[in-house]
Amino acid sequence: KLFKNILTGLNMTFHNKTVDGSEIQHYISE
């Protein structure tokens, strides 16, 4: 449930955005 929320959260937080890899890594850890 948490893992799924992380994946959906990534797509909501970074919707239509360009990102650095560090942002994705930090989000998952957080």
Full PDB file with SEQRES, HELIX, SHEET, SSBOND, CRYST1, ORIGX, SCALE, CONECT and MASTER records, all heavy atoms in Angstrom:
SEQRES   1 A   30  LYS LEU PHE LYS ASN ILE LEU THR GLY LEU ASN MET THR          
SEQRES   2 A   30  PHE HIS ASN LYS THR VAL ASP GLY SER GLU ILE GLN HIS          
SEQRES   3 A   30  TYR ILE SER GLU                                              
HELIX    1 AA1 LEU A    2  THR A   13  1                                  12    
HELIX    2 AA2 GLY A   21  SER A   29  1                                   9    
CRYST1    1.000    1.000    1.000  90.00  90.00  90.00 P 1           1          
ORIGX1      1.000000  0.000000  0.000000        0.00000                         
ORIGX2      0.000000  1.000000  0.000000        0.00000                         
ORIGX3      0.000000  0.000000  1.000000        0.00000                         
SCALE1      1.000000  0.000000  0.000000        0.00000                         
SCALE2      0.000000  1.000000  0.000000        0.00000                         
SCALE3      0.000000  0.000000  1.000000        0.00000                         
ATOM      1  N   LYS A   1       0.841  -1.194   0.000  1.00  0.00           N  
ATOM      2  CA  LYS A   1       0.000   0.000   0.000  1.00  0.00           C  
ATOM      3  C   LYS A   1       0.879   1.249   0.000  1.00  0.00           C  
ATOM      4  O   LYS A   1       0.639   2.198  -0.758  1.00  0.00           O  
ATOM      5  CB  LYS A   1      -0.931   0.008   1.205  1.00  0.00           C  
ATOM      6  CG  LYS A   1      -1.857   1.223   1.237  1.00  0.00           C  
ATOM      7  CD  LYS A   1      -2.810   1.166   2.434  1.00  0.00           C  
ATOM      8  CE  LYS A   1      -3.727   2.398   2.443  1.00  0.00           C  
ATOM      9  NZ  LYS A   1      -4.661   2.372   3.605  1.00  0.00           N  
ATOM     10  N   LEU A   2       1.914   1.238   0.833  1.00  0.00           N  
ATOM     11  CA  LEU A   2       2.848   2.368   0.872  1.00  0.00           C  
ATOM     12  C   LEU A   2       3.613   2.479  -0.446  1.00  0.00           C  
ATOM     13  O   LEU A   2       3.780   3.580  -0.986  1.00  0.00           O  
ATOM     14  CB  LEU A   2       3.819   2.195   2.037  1.00  0.00           C  
ATOM     15  CG  LEU A   2       4.966   3.221   2.130  1.00  0.00           C  
ATOM     16  CD1 LEU A   2       4.418   4.640   2.233  1.00  0.00           C  
ATOM     17  CD2 LEU A   2       5.867   2.885   3.313  1.00  0.00           C  
ATOM     18  N   PHE A   3       4.057   1.348  -0.980  1.00  0.00           N  
ATOM     19  CA  PHE A   3       4.809   1.370  -2.236  1.00  0.00           C  
ATOM     20  C   PHE A   3       3.953   1.928  -3.362  1.00  0.00           C  
ATOM     21  O   PHE A   3       4.424   2.746  -4.180  1.00  0.00           O  
ATOM     22  CB  PHE A   3       5.292  -0.037  -2.569  1.00  0.00           C  
ATOM     23  CG  PHE A   3       6.197  -0.100  -3.763  1.00  0.00           C  
ATOM     24  CD1 PHE A   3       7.488   0.402  -3.705  1.00  0.00           C  
ATOM     25  CD2 PHE A   3       5.762  -0.666  -4.959  1.00  0.00           C  
ATOM     26  CE1 PHE A   3       8.329   0.346  -4.818  1.00  0.00           C  
ATOM     27  CE2 PHE A   3       6.590  -0.724  -6.069  1.00  0.00           C  
ATOM     28  CZ  PHE A   3       7.877  -0.214  -5.987  1.00  0.00           C  
ATOM     29  N   LYS A   4       2.713   1.493  -3.428  1.00  0.00           N  
ATOM     30  CA  LYS A   4       1.789   2.016  -4.442  1.00  0.00           C  
ATOM     31  C   LYS A   4       1.590   3.514  -4.258  1.00  0.00           C  
ATOM     32  O   LYS A   4       1.573   4.280  -5.244  1.00  0.00           O  
ATOM     33  CB  LYS A   4       0.456   1.283  -4.345  1.00  0.00           C  
ATOM     34  CG  LYS A   4      -0.652   1.811  -5.246  1.00  0.00           C  
ATOM     35  CD  LYS A   4      -1.907   0.965  -5.083  1.00  0.00           C  
ATOM     36  CE  LYS A   4      -3.077   1.516  -5.881  1.00  0.00           C  
ATOM     37  NZ  LYS A   4      -3.579   2.800  -5.336  1.00  0.00           N  
ATOM     38  N   ASN A   5       1.454   3.974  -3.021  1.00  0.00           N  
ATOM     39  CA  ASN A   5       1.288   5.406  -2.763  1.00  0.00           C  
ATOM     40  C   ASN A   5       2.516   6.197  -3.200  1.00  0.00           C  
ATOM     41  O   ASN A   5       2.402   7.350  -3.638  1.00  0.00           O  
ATOM     42  CB  ASN A   5       1.010   5.649  -1.283  1.00  0.00           C  
ATOM     43  CG  ASN A   5      -0.389   5.210  -0.879  1.00  0.00           C  
ATOM     44  OD1 ASN A   5      -1.266   5.046  -1.719  1.00  0.00           O  
ATOM     45  ND2 ASN A   5      -0.595   5.010   0.413  1.00  0.00           N  
ATOM     46  N   ILE A   6       3.691   5.593  -3.063  1.00  0.00           N  
ATOM     47  CA  ILE A   6       4.921   6.260  -3.521  1.00  0.00           C  
ATOM     48  C   ILE A   6       4.888   6.438  -5.033  1.00  0.00           C  
ATOM     49  O   ILE A   6       5.204   7.514  -5.564  1.00  0.00           O  
ATOM     50  CB  ILE A   6       6.163   5.466  -3.080  1.00  0.00           C  
ATOM     51  CG1 ILE A   6       6.356   5.575  -1.560  1.00  0.00           C  
ATOM     52  CG2 ILE A   6       7.410   5.969  -3.808  1.00  0.00           C  
ATOM     53  CD1 ILE A   6       7.441   4.678  -1.019  1.00  0.00           C  
ATOM     54  N   LEU A   7       4.482   5.395  -5.747  1.00  0.00           N  
ATOM     55  CA  LEU A   7       4.441   5.474  -7.209  1.00  0.00           C  
ATOM     56  C   LEU A   7       3.395   6.472  -7.696  1.00  0.00           C  
ATOM     57  O   LEU A   7       3.662   7.269  -8.606  1.00  0.00           O  
ATOM     58  CB  LEU A   7       4.164   4.088  -7.791  1.00  0.00           C  
ATOM     59  CG  LEU A   7       5.241   3.026  -7.544  1.00  0.00           C  
ATOM     60  CD1 LEU A   7       4.786   1.671  -8.082  1.00  0.00           C  
ATOM     61  CD2 LEU A   7       6.561   3.433  -8.175  1.00  0.00           C  
ATOM     62  N   THR A   8       2.203   6.421  -7.107  1.00  0.00           N  
ATOM     63  CA  THR A   8       1.181   7.389  -7.509  1.00  0.00           C  
ATOM     64  C   THR A   8       1.585   8.793  -7.074  1.00  0.00           C  
ATOM     65  O   THR A   8       1.331   9.769  -7.795  1.00  0.00           O  
ATOM     66  CB  THR A   8      -0.186   7.024  -6.913  1.00  0.00           C  
ATOM     67  OG1 THR A   8      -0.087   6.932  -5.487  1.00  0.00           O  
ATOM     68  CG2 THR A   8      -0.684   5.703  -7.452  1.00  0.00           C  
ATOM     69  N   GLY A   9       2.218   8.889  -5.910  1.00  0.00           N  
ATOM     70  CA  GLY A   9       2.675  10.199  -5.434  1.00  0.00           C  
ATOM     71  C   GLY A   9       3.722  10.814  -6.331  1.00  0.00           C  
ATOM     72  O   GLY A   9       3.724  12.032  -6.556  1.00  0.00           O  
ATOM     73  N   LEU A  10       4.620  10.002  -6.845  1.00  0.00           N  
ATOM     74  CA  LEU A  10       5.611  10.505  -7.797  1.00  0.00           C  
ATOM     75  C   LEU A  10       4.916  11.137  -9.003  1.00  0.00           C  
ATOM     76  O   LEU A  10       5.294  12.232  -9.449  1.00  0.00           O  
ATOM     77  CB  LEU A  10       6.521   9.369  -8.267  1.00  0.00           C  
ATOM     78  CG  LEU A  10       7.629   8.903  -7.328  1.00  0.00           C  
ATOM     79  CD1 LEU A  10       8.250   7.601  -7.825  1.00  0.00           C  
ATOM     80  CD2 LEU A  10       8.708   9.982  -7.188  1.00  0.00           C  
ATOM     81  N   ASN A  11       3.904  10.450  -9.524  1.00  0.00           N  
ATOM     82  CA  ASN A  11       3.228  10.946 -10.723  1.00  0.00           C  
ATOM     83  C   ASN A  11       2.339  12.147 -10.447  1.00  0.00           C  
ATOM     84  O   ASN A  11       2.054  12.927 -11.370  1.00  0.00           O  
ATOM     85  CB  ASN A  11       2.432   9.811 -11.366  1.00  0.00           C  
ATOM     86  CG  ASN A  11       3.298   8.929 -12.233  1.00  0.00           C  
ATOM     87  OD1 ASN A  11       3.619   9.277 -13.363  1.00  0.00           O  
ATOM     88  ND2 ASN A  11       3.705   7.785 -11.697  1.00  0.00           N  
ATOM     89  N   MET A  12       1.927  12.334  -9.218  1.00  0.00           N  
ATOM     90  CA  MET A  12       1.170  13.540  -8.860  1.00  0.00           C  
ATOM     91  C   MET A  12       2.111  14.707  -8.562  1.00  0.00           C  
ATOM     92  O   MET A  12       1.924  15.821  -9.039  1.00  0.00           O  
ATOM     93  CB  MET A  12       0.284  13.245  -7.653  1.00  0.00           C  
ATOM     94  CG  MET A  12      -0.857  12.283  -7.927  1.00  0.00           C  
ATOM     95  SD  MET A  12      -1.767  11.831  -6.418  1.00  0.00           S  
ATOM     96  CE  MET A  12      -2.405  13.450  -5.940  1.00  0.00           C  
ATOM     97  N   THR A  13       3.141  14.430  -7.765  1.00  0.00           N  
ATOM     98  CA  THR A  13       4.074  15.489  -7.347  1.00  0.00           C  
ATOM     99  C   THR A  13       4.850  16.041  -8.530  1.00  0.00           C  
ATOM    100  O   THR A  13       5.089  17.255  -8.618  1.00  0.00           O  
ATOM    101  CB  THR A  13       5.042  14.946  -6.290  1.00  0.00           C  
ATOM    102  OG1 THR A  13       4.293  14.438  -5.178  1.00  0.00           O  
ATOM    103  CG2 THR A  13       6.010  16.025  -5.819  1.00  0.00           C  
ATOM    104  N   PHE A  14       5.250  15.165  -9.430  1.00  0.00           N  
ATOM    105  CA  PHE A  14       6.080  15.587 -10.563  1.00  0.00           C  
ATOM    106  C   PHE A  14       5.300  15.530 -11.875  1.00  0.00           C  
ATOM    107  O   PHE A  14       5.880  15.316 -12.940  1.00  0.00           O  
ATOM    108  CB  PHE A  14       7.338  14.721 -10.634  1.00  0.00           C  
ATOM    109  CG  PHE A  14       8.177  14.775  -9.393  1.00  0.00           C  
ATOM    110  CD1 PHE A  14       8.216  13.699  -8.518  1.00  0.00           C  
ATOM    111  CD2 PHE A  14       8.914  15.908  -9.078  1.00  0.00           C  
ATOM    112  CE1 PHE A  14       8.978  13.745  -7.362  1.00  0.00           C  
ATOM    113  CE2 PHE A  14       9.678  15.968  -7.931  1.00  0.00           C  
ATOM    114  CZ  PHE A  14       9.715  14.890  -7.062  1.00  0.00           C  
ATOM    115  N   HIS A  15       3.982  15.751 -11.792  1.00  0.00           N  
ATOM    116  CA  HIS A  15       3.141  15.718 -12.984  1.00  0.00           C  
ATOM    117  C   HIS A  15       3.590  16.766 -13.995  1.00  0.00           C  
ATOM    118  O   HIS A  15       3.730  17.950 -13.673  1.00  0.00           O  
ATOM    119  CB  HIS A  15       1.688  15.969 -12.597  1.00  0.00           C  
ATOM    120  CG  HIS A  15       0.741  16.043 -13.761  1.00  0.00           C  
ATOM    121  ND1 HIS A  15       0.511  14.977 -14.589  1.00  0.00           N  
ATOM    122  CD2 HIS A  15      -0.016  17.068 -14.230  1.00  0.00           C  
ATOM    123  CE1 HIS A  15      -0.353  15.330 -15.522  1.00  0.00           C  
ATOM    124  NE2 HIS A  15      -0.685  16.590 -15.338  1.00  0.00           N  
ATOM    125  N   ASN A  16       3.845  16.302 -15.227  1.00  0.00           N  
ATOM    126  CA  ASN A  16       4.253  17.188 -16.316  1.00  0.00           C  
ATOM    127  C   ASN A  16       5.497  18.013 -15.964  1.00  0.00           C  
ATOM    128  O   ASN A  16       5.603  19.180 -16.334  1.00  0.00           O  
ATOM    129  CB  ASN A  16       3.107  18.124 -16.706  1.00  0.00           C  
ATOM    130  CG  ASN A  16       2.209  17.516 -17.766  1.00  0.00           C  
ATOM    131  OD1 ASN A  16       2.611  16.628 -18.510  1.00  0.00           O  
ATOM    132  ND2 ASN A  16       0.971  17.975 -17.839  1.00  0.00           N  
ATOM    133  N   LYS A  17       6.436  17.374 -15.272  1.00  0.00           N  
ATOM    134  CA  LYS A  17       7.654  18.086 -14.876  1.00  0.00           C  
ATOM    135  C   LYS A  17       8.889  17.347 -15.363  1.00  0.00           C  
ATOM    136  O   LYS A  17       8.874  16.143 -15.582  1.00  0.00           O  
ATOM    137  CB  LYS A  17       7.706  18.238 -13.348  1.00  0.00           C  
ATOM    138  CG  LYS A  17       6.655  19.187 -12.786  1.00  0.00           C  
ATOM    139  CD  LYS A  17       6.801  19.350 -11.284  1.00  0.00           C  
ATOM    140  CE  LYS A  17       5.756  20.318 -10.741  1.00  0.00           C  
ATOM    141  NZ  LYS A  17       5.850  20.468  -9.265  1.00  0.00           N  
ATOM    142  N   THR A  18       9.965  18.108 -15.511  1.00  0.00           N  
ATOM    143  CA  THR A  18      11.274  17.522 -15.739  1.00  0.00           C  
ATOM    144  C   THR A  18      12.018  17.555 -14.411  1.00  0.00           C  
ATOM    145  O   THR A  18      11.916  18.525 -13.651  1.00  0.00           O  
ATOM    146  CB  THR A  18      12.064  18.278 -16.816  1.00  0.00           C  
ATOM    147  OG1 THR A  18      12.317  19.622 -16.379  1.00  0.00           O  
ATOM    148  CG2 THR A  18      11.287  18.307 -18.128  1.00  0.00           C  
ATOM    149  N   VAL A  19      12.775  16.499 -14.133  1.00  0.00           N  
ATOM    150  CA  VAL A  19      13.358  16.339 -12.806  1.00  0.00           C  
ATOM    151  C   VAL A  19      14.796  15.842 -12.903  1.00  0.00           C  
ATOM    152  O   VAL A  19      15.228  15.294 -13.921  1.00  0.00           O  
ATOM    153  CB  VAL A  19      12.550  15.345 -11.950  1.00  0.00           C  
ATOM    154  CG1 VAL A  19      11.115  15.820 -11.767  1.00  0.00           C  
ATOM    155  CG2 VAL A  19      12.569  13.947 -12.562  1.00  0.00           C  
ATOM    156  N   ASP A  20      15.515  16.008 -11.797  1.00  0.00           N  
ATOM    157  CA  ASP A  20      16.811  15.369 -11.612  1.00  0.00           C  
ATOM    158  C   ASP A  20      16.597  14.041 -10.895  1.00  0.00           C  
ATOM    159  O   ASP A  20      15.674  13.897 -10.085  1.00  0.00           O  
ATOM    160  CB  ASP A  20      17.742  16.246 -10.781  1.00  0.00           C  
ATOM    161  CG  ASP A  20      18.077  17.549 -11.466  1.00  0.00           C  
ATOM    162  OD1 ASP A  20      18.151  17.566 -12.708  1.00  0.00           O  
ATOM    163  OD2 ASP A  20      18.270  18.556 -10.755  1.00  0.00           O  
ATOM    164  N   GLY A  21      17.472  13.098 -11.143  1.00  0.00           N  
ATOM    165  CA  GLY A  21      17.348  11.807 -10.492  1.00  0.00           C  
ATOM    166  C   GLY A  21      17.360  11.909  -8.981  1.00  0.00           C  
ATOM    167  O   GLY A  21      16.682  11.141  -8.291  1.00  0.00           O  
ATOM    168  N   SER A  22      18.120  12.855  -8.453  1.00  0.00           N  
ATOM    169  CA  SER A  22      18.201  13.019  -6.999  1.00  0.00           C  
ATOM    170  C   SER A  22      16.840  13.351  -6.396  1.00  0.00           C  
ATOM    171  O   SER A  22      16.553  12.961  -5.251  1.00  0.00           O  
ATOM    172  CB  SER A  22      19.215  14.111  -6.652  1.00  0.00           C  
ATOM    173  OG  SER A  22      18.847  15.345  -7.263  1.00  0.00           O  
ATOM    174  N   GLU A  23      15.993  14.055  -7.139  1.00  0.00           N  
ATOM    175  CA  GLU A  23      14.661  14.382  -6.636  1.00  0.00           C  
ATOM    176  C   GLU A  23      13.807  13.126  -6.476  1.00  0.00           C  
ATOM    177  O   GLU A  23      13.063  12.985  -5.499  1.00  0.00           O  
ATOM    178  CB  GLU A  23      13.961  15.363  -7.585  1.00  0.00           C  
ATOM    179  CG  GLU A  23      14.603  16.723  -7.681  1.00  0.00           C  
ATOM    180  CD  GLU A  23      13.903  17.619  -8.680  1.00  0.00           C  
ATOM    181  OE1 GLU A  23      12.887  18.227  -8.312  1.00  0.00           O  
ATOM    182  OE2 GLU A  23      14.358  17.677  -9.844  1.00  0.00           O  
ATOM    183  N   ILE A  24      13.911  12.229  -7.436  1.00  0.00           N  
ATOM    184  CA  ILE A  24      13.149  10.981  -7.379  1.00  0.00           C  
ATOM    185  C   ILE A  24      13.653  10.117  -6.222  1.00  0.00           C  
ATOM    186  O   ILE A  24      12.870   9.553  -5.452  1.00  0.00           O  
ATOM    187  CB  ILE A  24      13.258  10.220  -8.709  1.00  0.00           C  
ATOM    188  CG1 ILE A  24      12.712  11.076  -9.862  1.00  0.00           C  
ATOM    189  CG2 ILE A  24      12.527   8.893  -8.626  1.00  0.00           C  
ATOM    190  CD1 ILE A  24      11.264  11.470  -9.720  1.00  0.00           C  
ATOM    191  N   GLN A  25      14.961  10.022  -6.095  1.00  0.00           N  
ATOM    192  CA  GLN A  25      15.540   9.217  -5.018  1.00  0.00           C  
ATOM    193  C   GLN A  25      15.143   9.768  -3.653  1.00  0.00           C  
ATOM    194  O   GLN A  25      14.780   9.003  -2.743  1.00  0.00           O  
ATOM    195  CB  GLN A  25      17.057   9.190  -5.150  1.00  0.00           C  
ATOM    196  CG  GLN A  25      17.558   8.495  -6.409  1.00  0.00           C  
ATOM    197  CD  GLN A  25      19.068   8.550  -6.528  1.00  0.00           C  
ATOM    198  OE1 GLN A  25      19.789   8.655  -5.535  1.00  0.00           O  
ATOM    199  NE2 GLN A  25      19.576   8.495  -7.750  1.00  0.00           N  
ATOM    200  N   HIS A  26      15.228  11.070  -3.493  1.00  0.00           N  
ATOM    201  CA  HIS A  26      14.875  11.692  -2.217  1.00  0.00           C  
ATOM    202  C   HIS A  26      13.401  11.470  -1.898  1.00  0.00           C  
ATOM    203  O   HIS A  26      13.047  11.186  -0.734  1.00  0.00           O  
ATOM    204  CB  HIS A  26      15.188  13.185  -2.246  1.00  0.00           C  
ATOM    205  CG  HIS A  26      14.775  13.914  -1.001  1.00  0.00           C  
ATOM    206  ND1 HIS A  26      15.471  13.805   0.184  1.00  0.00           N  
ATOM    207  CD2 HIS A  26      13.718  14.731  -0.752  1.00  0.00           C  
ATOM    208  CE1 HIS A  26      14.868  14.529   1.115  1.00  0.00           C  
ATOM    209  NE2 HIS A  26      13.807  15.100   0.573  1.00  0.00           N  
ATOM    210  N   TYR A  27      12.542  11.586  -2.886  1.00  0.00           N  
ATOM    211  CA  TYR A  27      11.109  11.395  -2.662  1.00  0.00           C  
ATOM    212  C   TYR A  27      10.826   9.980  -2.157  1.00  0.00           C  
ATOM    213  O   TYR A  27      10.060   9.788  -1.198  1.00  0.00           O  
ATOM    214  CB  TYR A  27      10.334  11.660  -3.955  1.00  0.00           C  
ATOM    215  CG  TYR A  27       8.829  11.556  -3.788  1.00  0.00           C  
ATOM    216  CD1 TYR A  27       8.063  12.679  -3.505  1.00  0.00           C  
ATOM    217  CD2 TYR A  27       8.173  10.330  -3.895  1.00  0.00           C  
ATOM    218  CE1 TYR A  27       6.683  12.587  -3.334  1.00  0.00           C  
ATOM    219  CE2 TYR A  27       6.802  10.224  -3.722  1.00  0.00           C  
ATOM    220  CZ  TYR A  27       6.061  11.353  -3.438  1.00  0.00           C  
ATOM    221  OH  TYR A  27       4.707  11.247  -3.267  1.00  0.00           O  
ATOM    222  N   ILE A  28      11.436   8.990  -2.792  1.00  0.00           N  
ATOM    223  CA  ILE A  28      11.207   7.605  -2.388  1.00  0.00           C  
ATOM    224  C   ILE A  28      11.677   7.384  -0.951  1.00  0.00           C  
ATOM    225  O   ILE A  28      10.972   6.782  -0.130  1.00  0.00           O  
ATOM    226  CB  ILE A  28      11.908   6.640  -3.358  1.00  0.00           C  
ATOM    227  CG1 ILE A  28      11.225   6.700  -4.726  1.00  0.00           C  
ATOM    228  CG2 ILE A  28      11.894   5.211  -2.815  1.00  0.00           C  
ATOM    229  CD1 ILE A  28      11.939   5.920  -5.815  1.00  0.00           C  
ATOM    230  N   SER A  29      12.870   7.885  -0.622  1.00  0.00           N  
ATOM    231  CA  SER A  29      13.385   7.722   0.738  1.00  0.00           C  
ATOM    232  C   SER A  29      12.492   8.421   1.756  1.00  0.00           C  
ATOM    233  O   SER A  29      12.176   7.871   2.817  1.00  0.00           O  
ATOM    234  CB  SER A  29      14.810   8.277   0.828  1.00  0.00           C  
ATOM    235  OG  SER A  29      15.718   7.489   0.088  1.00  0.00           O  
ATOM    236  N   GLU A  30      12.068   9.624   1.423  1.00  0.00           N  
ATOM    237  CA  GLU A  30      11.247  10.396   2.353  1.00  0.00           C  
ATOM    238  C   GLU A  30       9.917   9.699   2.623  1.00  0.00           C  
ATOM    239  O   GLU A  30       9.493   9.548   3.783  1.00  0.00           O  
ATOM    240  CB  GLU A  30      10.999  11.791   1.789  1.00  0.00           C  
ATOM    241  CG  GLU A  30      10.130  12.674   2.673  1.00  0.00           C  
ATOM    242  CD  GLU A  30       9.835  14.018   2.044  1.00  0.00           C  
ATOM    243  OE1 GLU A  30       9.553  14.055   0.823  1.00  0.00           O  
ATOM    244  OE2 GLU A  30       9.898  15.022   2.767  1.00  0.00           O  
TER     245      GLU A  30                                                      
MASTER        0    0    0    2    0    0    0    6  244    1    0    3          
END                                                                             
